[in-house]
Amino acid sequence: SRADAALRTAQHQADANWHLGLQHSR
């Protein structure tokens, strides 16, 4: 689910076509 959210972010970015989501762990 988090990777899917990162994919949607990448699809709406203008400067890059990939996105690394935030880290939830320590």
PDB file of all heavy atoms in Angstrom:
ATOM      1  N   SER A   1       0.832  -1.210   0.000  1.00  0.00           N
ATOM      2  CA  SER A   1       0.000   0.000   0.000  1.00  0.00           C
ATOM      3  C   SER A   1       0.863   1.255   0.000  1.00  0.00           C
ATOM      4  O   SER A   1       0.561   2.247  -0.672  1.00  0.00           O
ATOM      5  CB  SER A   1      -0.939  -0.015   1.203  1.00  0.00           C
ATOM      6  OG  SER A   1      -0.202  -0.055   2.419  1.00  0.00           O
ATOM      7  N   ARG A   2       1.942   1.238   0.742  1.00  0.00           N
ATOM      8  CA  ARG A   2       2.827   2.399   0.773  1.00  0.00           C
ATOM      9  C   ARG A   2       3.564   2.571  -0.546  1.00  0.00           C
ATOM     10  O   ARG A   2       3.787   3.699  -1.010  1.00  0.00           O
ATOM     11  CB  ARG A   2       3.821   2.254   1.922  1.00  0.00           C
ATOM     12  CG  ARG A   2       3.162   2.369   3.300  1.00  0.00           C
ATOM     13  CD  ARG A   2       4.089   1.883   4.394  1.00  0.00           C
ATOM     14  NE  ARG A   2       5.383   2.545   4.306  1.00  0.00           N
ATOM     15  CZ  ARG A   2       6.507   2.046   4.830  1.00  0.00           C
ATOM     16  NH1 ARG A   2       6.471   0.884   5.466  1.00  0.00           N
ATOM     17  NH2 ARG A   2       7.637   2.714   4.723  1.00  0.00           N
ATOM     18  N   ALA A   3       3.953   1.451  -1.187  1.00  0.00           N
ATOM     19  CA  ALA A   3       4.604   1.551  -2.496  1.00  0.00           C
ATOM     20  C   ALA A   3       3.623   2.070  -3.539  1.00  0.00           C
ATOM     21  O   ALA A   3       3.999   2.829  -4.452  1.00  0.00           O
ATOM     22  CB  ALA A   3       5.157   0.189  -2.905  1.00  0.00           C
ATOM     23  N   ASP A   4       2.361   1.655  -3.419  1.00  0.00           N
ATOM     24  CA  ASP A   4       1.351   2.160  -4.354  1.00  0.00           C
ATOM     25  C   ASP A   4       1.166   3.670  -4.195  1.00  0.00           C
ATOM     26  O   ASP A   4       1.038   4.410  -5.184  1.00  0.00           O
ATOM     27  CB  ASP A   4       0.030   1.427  -4.111  1.00  0.00           C
ATOM     28  CG  ASP A   4      -1.041   1.835  -5.104  1.00  0.00           C
ATOM     29  OD1 ASP A   4      -0.893   1.513  -6.298  1.00  0.00           O
ATOM     30  OD2 ASP A   4      -2.010   2.493  -4.671  1.00  0.00           O
ATOM     31  N   ALA A   5       1.201   4.143  -2.948  1.00  0.00           N
ATOM     32  CA  ALA A   5       1.095   5.587  -2.716  1.00  0.00           C
ATOM     33  C   ALA A   5       2.304   6.316  -3.302  1.00  0.00           C
ATOM     34  O   ALA A   5       2.177   7.408  -3.894  1.00  0.00           O
ATOM     35  CB  ALA A   5       0.974   5.857  -1.224  1.00  0.00           C
ATOM     36  N   ALA A   6       3.501   5.708  -3.143  1.00  0.00           N
ATOM     37  CA  ALA A   6       4.704   6.319  -3.717  1.00  0.00           C
ATOM     38  C   ALA A   6       4.624   6.344  -5.236  1.00  0.00           C
ATOM     39  O   ALA A   6       5.096   7.294  -5.893  1.00  0.00           O
ATOM     40  CB  ALA A   6       5.939   5.549  -3.255  1.00  0.00           C
ATOM     41  N   LEU A   7       4.011   5.311  -5.831  1.00  0.00           N
ATOM     42  CA  LEU A   7       3.851   5.278  -7.287  1.00  0.00           C
ATOM     43  C   LEU A   7       2.936   6.410  -7.749  1.00  0.00           C
ATOM     44  O   LEU A   7       3.217   7.078  -8.770  1.00  0.00           O
ATOM     45  CB  LEU A   7       3.293   3.910  -7.706  1.00  0.00           C
ATOM     46  CG  LEU A   7       2.942   3.755  -9.189  1.00  0.00           C
ATOM     47  CD1 LEU A   7       4.167   3.935 -10.078  1.00  0.00           C
ATOM     48  CD2 LEU A   7       2.299   2.383  -9.448  1.00  0.00           C
ATOM     49  N   ARG A   8       1.847   6.618  -7.020  1.00  0.00           N
ATOM     50  CA  ARG A   8       0.937   7.704  -7.401  1.00  0.00           C
ATOM     51  C   ARG A   8       1.648   9.061  -7.296  1.00  0.00           C
ATOM     52  O   ARG A   8       1.454   9.950  -8.138  1.00  0.00           O
ATOM     53  CB  ARG A   8      -0.295   7.711  -6.495  1.00  0.00           C
ATOM     54  CG  ARG A   8      -1.071   6.413  -6.492  1.00  0.00           C
ATOM     55  CD  ARG A   8      -1.396   5.925  -7.886  1.00  0.00           C
ATOM     56  NE  ARG A   8      -1.816   4.527  -7.900  1.00  0.00           N
ATOM     57  CZ  ARG A   8      -1.727   3.749  -8.948  1.00  0.00           C
ATOM     58  NH1 ARG A   8      -1.212   4.235 -10.069  1.00  0.00           N
ATOM     59  NH2 ARG A   8      -2.126   2.502  -8.885  1.00  0.00           N
ATOM     60  N   THR A   9       2.482   9.209  -6.284  1.00  0.00           N
ATOM     61  CA  THR A   9       3.249  10.446  -6.157  1.00  0.00           C
ATOM     62  C   THR A   9       4.183  10.631  -7.345  1.00  0.00           C
ATOM     63  O   THR A   9       4.304  11.737  -7.908  1.00  0.00           O
ATOM     64  CB  THR A   9       4.063  10.431  -4.851  1.00  0.00           C
ATOM     65  OG1 THR A   9       3.171  10.278  -3.740  1.00  0.00           O
ATOM     66  CG2 THR A   9       4.852  11.716  -4.684  1.00  0.00           C
ATOM     67  N   ALA A  10       4.862   9.528  -7.747  1.00  0.00           N
ATOM     68  CA  ALA A  10       5.779   9.613  -8.885  1.00  0.00           C
ATOM     69  C   ALA A  10       5.044   9.982 -10.165  1.00  0.00           C
ATOM     70  O   ALA A  10       5.565  10.720 -11.016  1.00  0.00           O
ATOM     71  CB  ALA A  10       6.510   8.281  -9.052  1.00  0.00           C
ATOM     72  N   GLN A  11       3.823   9.478 -10.334  1.00  0.00           N
ATOM     73  CA  GLN A  11       3.068   9.766 -11.551  1.00  0.00           C
ATOM     74  C   GLN A  11       2.633  11.232 -11.631  1.00  0.00           C
ATOM     75  O   GLN A  11       2.344  11.733 -12.728  1.00  0.00           O
ATOM     76  CB  GLN A  11       1.848   8.839 -11.623  1.00  0.00           C
ATOM     77  CG  GLN A  11       2.207   7.386 -11.888  1.00  0.00           C
ATOM     78  CD  GLN A  11       1.007   6.464 -11.780  1.00  0.00           C
ATOM     79  OE1 GLN A  11       0.017   6.790 -11.096  1.00  0.00           O
ATOM     80  NE2 GLN A  11       1.076   5.320 -12.457  1.00  0.00           N
ATOM     81  N   HIS A  12       2.584  11.909 -10.488  1.00  0.00           N
ATOM     82  CA  HIS A  12       2.158  13.309 -10.486  1.00  0.00           C
ATOM     83  C   HIS A  12       3.333  14.278 -10.335  1.00  0.00           C
ATOM     84  O   HIS A  12       3.129  15.480 -10.234  1.00  0.00           O
ATOM     85  CB  HIS A  12       1.144  13.548  -9.353  1.00  0.00           C
ATOM     86  CG  HIS A  12      -0.166  12.855  -9.581  1.00  0.00           C
ATOM     87  ND1 HIS A  12      -0.397  11.565  -9.182  1.00  0.00           N
ATOM     88  CD2 HIS A  12      -1.315  13.277 -10.181  1.00  0.00           C
ATOM     89  CE1 HIS A  12      -1.627  11.203  -9.502  1.00  0.00           C
ATOM     90  NE2 HIS A  12      -2.214  12.237 -10.122  1.00  0.00           N
ATOM     91  N   GLN A  13       4.561  13.709 -10.271  1.00  0.00           N
ATOM     92  CA  GLN A  13       5.725  14.581 -10.176  1.00  0.00           C
ATOM     93  C   GLN A  13       6.107  15.094 -11.557  1.00  0.00           C
ATOM     94  O   GLN A  13       6.004  14.366 -12.553  1.00  0.00           O
ATOM     95  CB  GLN A  13       6.926  13.830  -9.564  1.00  0.00           C
ATOM     96  CG  GLN A  13       6.767  13.533  -8.093  1.00  0.00           C
ATOM     97  CD  GLN A  13       7.975  12.792  -7.526  1.00  0.00           C
ATOM     98  OE1 GLN A  13       8.205  12.796  -6.348  1.00  0.00           O
ATOM     99  NE2 GLN A  13       8.735  12.162  -8.386  1.00  0.00           N
ATOM    100  N   ALA A  14       6.575  16.270 -11.600  1.00  0.00           N
ATOM    101  CA  ALA A  14       6.994  16.849 -12.880  1.00  0.00           C
ATOM    102  C   ALA A  14       8.486  16.697 -13.106  1.00  0.00           C
ATOM    103  O   ALA A  14       8.951  16.662 -14.250  1.00  0.00           O
ATOM    104  CB  ALA A  14       6.616  18.338 -12.929  1.00  0.00           C
ATOM    105  N   ASP A  15       9.264  16.605 -12.019  1.00  0.00           N
ATOM    106  CA  ASP A  15      10.719  16.612 -12.169  1.00  0.00           C
ATOM    107  C   ASP A  15      11.329  15.214 -12.195  1.00  0.00           C
ATOM    108  O   ASP A  15      12.465  15.045 -12.624  1.00  0.00           O
ATOM    109  CB  ASP A  15      11.351  17.406 -11.022  1.00  0.00           C
ATOM    110  CG  ASP A  15      10.908  16.871  -9.664  1.00  0.00           C
ATOM    111  OD1 ASP A  15       9.876  16.168  -9.610  1.00  0.00           O
ATOM    112  OD2 ASP A  15      11.607  17.137  -8.665  1.00  0.00           O
ATOM    113  N   ALA A  16      10.634  14.161 -11.716  1.00  0.00           N
ATOM    114  CA  ALA A  16      11.189  12.805 -11.697  1.00  0.00           C
ATOM    115  C   ALA A  16      10.064  11.801 -11.872  1.00  0.00           C
ATOM    116  O   ALA A  16       8.918  12.067 -11.524  1.00  0.00           O
ATOM    117  CB  ALA A  16      11.934  12.552 -10.384  1.00  0.00           C
ATOM    118  N   ASN A  17      10.416  10.655 -12.434  1.00  0.00           N
ATOM    119  CA  ASN A  17       9.404   9.623 -12.656  1.00  0.00           C
ATOM    120  C   ASN A  17       9.545   8.472 -11.668  1.00  0.00           C
ATOM    121  O   ASN A  17       9.061   7.374 -11.904  1.00  0.00           O
ATOM    122  CB  ASN A  17       9.481   9.096 -14.091  1.00  0.00           C
ATOM    123  CG  ASN A  17      10.901   8.692 -14.475  1.00  0.00           C
ATOM    124  OD1 ASN A  17      11.813   8.679 -13.638  1.00  0.00           O
ATOM    125  ND2 ASN A  17      11.086   8.376 -15.744  1.00  0.00           N
ATOM    126  N   TRP A  18      10.235   8.695 -10.552  1.00  0.00           N
ATOM    127  CA  TRP A  18      10.262   7.705  -9.472  1.00  0.00           C
ATOM    128  C   TRP A  18      10.246   8.439  -8.142  1.00  0.00           C
ATOM    129  O   TRP A  18      10.653   9.595  -8.041  1.00  0.00           O
ATOM    130  CB  TRP A  18      11.478   6.787  -9.565  1.00  0.00           C
ATOM    131  CG  TRP A  18      12.815   7.466  -9.348  1.00  0.00           C
ATOM    132  CD1 TRP A  18      13.579   8.081 -10.269  1.00  0.00           C
ATOM    133  CD2 TRP A  18      13.514   7.586  -8.095  1.00  0.00           C
ATOM    134  NE1 TRP A  18      14.725   8.587  -9.713  1.00  0.00           N
ATOM    135  CE2 TRP A  18      14.709   8.287  -8.368  1.00  0.00           C
ATOM    136  CE3 TRP A  18      13.239   7.186  -6.791  1.00  0.00           C
ATOM    137  CZ2 TRP A  18      15.637   8.586  -7.373  1.00  0.00           C
ATOM    138  CZ3 TRP A  18      14.164   7.477  -5.803  1.00  0.00           C
ATOM    139  CH2 TRP A  18      15.356   8.173  -6.094  1.00  0.00           C
ATOM    140  N   HIS A  19       9.757   7.743  -7.118  1.00  0.00           N
ATOM    141  CA  HIS A  19       9.649   8.385  -5.811  1.00  0.00           C
ATOM    142  C   HIS A  19       9.871   7.338  -4.730  1.00  0.00           C
ATOM    143  O   HIS A  19       9.340   6.219  -4.794  1.00  0.00           O
ATOM    144  CB  HIS A  19       8.261   9.013  -5.630  1.00  0.00           C
ATOM    145  CG  HIS A  19       8.068   9.624  -4.265  1.00  0.00           C
ATOM    146  ND1 HIS A  19       8.678  10.786  -3.866  1.00  0.00           N
ATOM    147  CD2 HIS A  19       7.328   9.192  -3.188  1.00  0.00           C
ATOM    148  CE1 HIS A  19       8.328  11.073  -2.627  1.00  0.00           C
ATOM    149  NE2 HIS A  19       7.506  10.122  -2.191  1.00  0.00           N
ATOM    150  N   LEU A  20      10.686   7.668  -3.719  1.00  0.00           N
ATOM    151  CA  LEU A  20      10.948   6.810  -2.575  1.00  0.00           C
ATOM    152  C   LEU A  20      10.147   7.332  -1.392  1.00  0.00           C
ATOM    153  O   LEU A  20      10.331   8.468  -0.953  1.00  0.00           O
ATOM    154  CB  LEU A  20      12.449   6.796  -2.236  1.00  0.00           C
ATOM    155  CG  LEU A  20      12.857   5.953  -1.023  1.00  0.00           C
ATOM    156  CD1 LEU A  20      12.445   4.491  -1.198  1.00  0.00           C
ATOM    157  CD2 LEU A  20      14.364   6.056  -0.794  1.00  0.00           C
ATOM    158  N   GLY A  21       9.233   6.527  -0.897  1.00  0.00           N
ATOM    159  CA  GLY A  21       8.354   6.944   0.180  1.00  0.00           C
ATOM    160  C   GLY A  21       9.065   7.091   1.504  1.00  0.00           C
ATOM    161  O   GLY A  21      10.229   6.702   1.683  1.00  0.00           O
ATOM    162  N   LEU A  22       8.343   7.624   2.470  1.00  0.00           N
ATOM    163  CA  LEU A  22       8.891   7.844   3.794  1.00  0.00           C
ATOM    164  C   LEU A  22       9.095   6.522   4.514  1.00  0.00           C
ATOM    165  O   LEU A  22       8.402   5.527   4.273  1.00  0.00           O
ATOM    166  CB  LEU A  22       7.960   8.748   4.607  1.00  0.00           C
ATOM    167  CG  LEU A  22       7.766  10.172   4.070  1.00  0.00           C
ATOM    168  CD1 LEU A  22       6.757  10.914   4.934  1.00  0.00           C
ATOM    169  CD2 LEU A  22       9.094  10.924   4.026  1.00  0.00           C
ATOM    170  N   GLN A  23      10.043   6.516   5.447  1.00  0.00           N
ATOM    171  CA  GLN A  23      10.374   5.330   6.227  1.00  0.00           C
ATOM    172  C   GLN A  23       9.620   5.369   7.544  1.00  0.00           C
ATOM    173  O   GLN A  23       9.610   6.371   8.241  1.00  0.00           O
ATOM    174  CB  GLN A  23      11.885   5.288   6.474  1.00  0.00           C
ATOM    175  CG  GLN A  23      12.340   4.090   7.279  1.00  0.00           C
ATOM    176  CD  GLN A  23      13.858   4.031   7.334  1.00  0.00           C
ATOM    177  OE1 GLN A  23      14.510   3.941   6.310  1.00  0.00           O
ATOM    178  NE2 GLN A  23      14.396   4.125   8.529  1.00  0.00           N
ATOM    179  N   HIS A  24       8.973   4.238   7.882  1.00  0.00           N
ATOM    180  CA  HIS A  24       8.172   4.180   9.104  1.00  0.00           C
ATOM    181  C   HIS A  24       8.918   3.555  10.269  1.00  0.00           C
ATOM    182  O   HIS A  24       8.505   3.696  11.412  1.00  0.00           O
ATOM    183  CB  HIS A  24       6.899   3.351   8.852  1.00  0.00           C
ATOM    184  CG  HIS A  24       5.887   4.127   8.044  1.00  0.00           C
ATOM    185  ND1 HIS A  24       4.612   3.670   7.853  1.00  0.00           N
ATOM    186  CD2 HIS A  24       5.970   5.316   7.381  1.00  0.00           C
ATOM    187  CE1 HIS A  24       3.929   4.542   7.099  1.00  0.00           C
ATOM    188  NE2 HIS A  24       4.750   5.531   6.804  1.00  0.00           N
ATOM    189  N   SER A  25       9.983   2.864   9.970  1.00  0.00           N
ATOM    190  CA  SER A  25      10.664   2.117  11.030  1.00  0.00           C
ATOM    191  C   SER A  25      11.741   2.960  11.672  1.00  0.00           C
ATOM    192  O   SER A  25      11.952   4.118  11.326  1.00  0.00           O
ATOM    193  CB  SER A  25      11.272   0.827  10.454  1.00  0.00           C
ATOM    194  OG  SER A  25      10.241   0.014   9.921  1.00  0.00           O
ATOM    195  N   ARG A  26      12.458   2.318  12.597  1.00  0.00           N
ATOM    196  CA  ARG A  26      13.497   3.018  13.346  1.00  0.00           C
ATOM    197  C   ARG A  26      14.632   3.453  12.421  1.00  0.00           C
ATOM    198  O   ARG A  26      14.776   2.967  11.306  1.00  0.00           O
ATOM    199  CB  ARG A  26      14.040   2.107  14.447  1.00  0.00           C
ATOM    200  CG  ARG A  26      14.721   0.853  13.920  1.00  0.00           C
ATOM    201  CD  ARG A  26      15.158  -0.046  15.061  1.00  0.00           C
ATOM    202  NE  ARG A  26      15.858  -1.226  14.563  1.00  0.00           N
ATOM    203  CZ  ARG A  26      15.274  -2.337  14.206  1.00  0.00           C
ATOM    204  NH1 ARG A  26      13.959  -2.433  14.279  1.00  0.00           N
ATOM    205  NH2 ARG A  26      15.971  -3.354  13.774  1.00  0.00           N
TER     206      ARG A  26
END
